[in-house]
């Protein structure tokens, strides 16, 4: 039983380490003058909207920019996890 608790603590520690590493990474995506900055934990750090665009164009650019930033963050997470040895128990 205690070995399972130790494994759980170790897993939590590794997850915290990975989360801390990802928080230091910044992804920047720009589409049609709209810019989103997001960290590796997919927290939005900054949004800059383009001036002179109508509402529909800004909404479209923001949506596309956000979706692309999320994809980049997910790829970054996968790479960092792989570089750090993956998640024990999920890799073979």
Protein backbone atom coordinates (compact mmCIF):
# COMPACT_ATOMS: atom_id res chain seq x y z
CA UNK A 1 0.00 0.00 0.00
CA UNK A 2 2.76 2.44 0.88
CA UNK A 3 4.53 1.77 -2.41
CA UNK A 4 1.34 2.84 -4.26
CA UNK A 5 1.24 6.06 -2.22
CA UNK A 6 4.89 6.73 -3.03
CA UNK A 7 4.21 6.14 -6.73
CA UNK A 8 1.27 8.55 -6.54
CA UNK A 9 3.42 11.21 -4.84
CA UNK A 10 6.15 10.73 -7.43
CA UNK A 11 3.61 11.06 -10.24
CA UNK A 12 2.20 14.26 -8.72
CA UNK A 13 5.71 15.63 -8.37
CA UNK A 14 6.49 14.87 -12.02
CA UNK A 15 3.21 16.49 -13.12
CA UNK A 16 4.05 19.64 -11.15
CA UNK A 17 7.53 19.74 -12.69
CA UNK A 18 6.08 19.41 -16.19
CA UNK A 19 3.49 22.10 -15.44
CA UNK A 20 6.22 24.46 -14.20
CA UNK A 21 8.32 23.86 -17.33
CA UNK A 22 5.34 24.48 -19.62
CA UNK A 23 4.42 27.69 -17.79
CA UNK A 24 7.79 29.13 -18.88
CA UNK A 25 7.09 28.53 -22.58
CA UNK A 26 5.30 31.24 -24.58
CA UNK A 27 3.43 30.64 -27.82
CA UNK A 28 2.62 33.66 -29.98
CA UNK A 29 0.18 33.42 -32.87
CA UNK A 30 -0.82 36.24 -35.23
CA UNK A 31 -3.62 36.26 -37.81
CA UNK A 32 -4.71 39.37 -39.72
CA UNK A 33 -3.38 41.74 -37.05
CA UNK A 34 -4.85 39.80 -34.11
CA UNK A 35 -2.18 38.42 -31.76
CA UNK A 36 -2.55 35.90 -28.94
CA UNK A 37 0.19 35.00 -26.47
CA UNK A 38 -0.36 31.80 -24.52
CA UNK A 39 1.88 29.78 -22.22
CA UNK A 40 2.50 26.06 -22.51
CA UNK A 41 -0.26 25.38 -19.97
CA UNK A 42 -2.70 26.95 -22.46
CA UNK A 43 -3.29 30.03 -20.31
CA UNK A 44 -3.88 33.16 -22.39
CA UNK A 45 -1.32 35.79 -21.43
CA UNK A 46 -2.24 38.58 -23.85
CA UNK A 47 -4.62 39.36 -26.71
CA UNK A 48 -4.09 42.23 -29.13
CA UNK A 49 -6.91 43.08 -31.52
CA UNK A 50 -6.44 44.72 -34.91
CA UNK A 51 -7.86 48.17 -35.40
CA UNK A 52 -9.88 49.08 -38.44
CA UNK A 53 -11.52 45.67 -38.87
CA UNK A 54 -15.25 45.10 -38.67
CA UNK A 55 -16.62 42.94 -35.86
CA UNK A 56 -17.10 39.80 -37.98
CA UNK A 57 -13.54 39.97 -39.37
CA UNK A 58 -12.07 40.46 -35.87
CA UNK A 59 -14.10 37.56 -34.47
CA UNK A 60 -12.97 35.30 -37.29
CA UNK A 61 -9.32 36.31 -36.92
CA UNK A 62 -9.49 35.88 -33.13
CA UNK A 63 -11.07 32.42 -33.43
CA UNK A 64 -8.50 31.26 -35.99
CA UNK A 65 -5.62 32.74 -34.03
CA UNK A 66 -6.78 31.12 -30.77
CA UNK A 67 -7.29 27.70 -32.36
CA UNK A 68 -3.83 27.76 -33.92
CA UNK A 69 -2.23 28.87 -30.62
CA UNK A 70 -3.94 25.95 -28.83
CA UNK A 71 -2.63 23.50 -31.45
CA UNK A 72 0.90 24.86 -31.01
CA UNK A 73 0.60 24.60 -27.22
CA UNK A 74 -0.59 20.98 -27.51
CA UNK A 75 2.34 20.09 -29.78
CA UNK A 76 4.70 21.81 -27.33
CA UNK A 77 3.22 19.85 -24.41
CA UNK A 78 3.61 16.56 -26.26
CA UNK A 79 7.22 17.35 -27.15
CA UNK A 80 8.11 18.42 -23.59
CA UNK A 81 6.49 15.28 -22.16
CA UNK A 82 8.41 13.13 -24.61
CA UNK A 83 11.68 14.95 -23.84
CA UNK A 84 11.10 14.47 -20.11
CA UNK A 85 10.54 10.74 -20.48
CA UNK A 86 6.78 10.62 -20.86
CA UNK A 87 4.30 9.68 -18.17
CA UNK A 88 5.19 6.52 -16.27
CA UNK A 89 2.59 3.83 -16.68
CA UNK A 90 1.30 5.24 -19.97
CA UNK A 91 4.36 4.49 -22.03
CA UNK A 92 5.46 1.01 -22.92
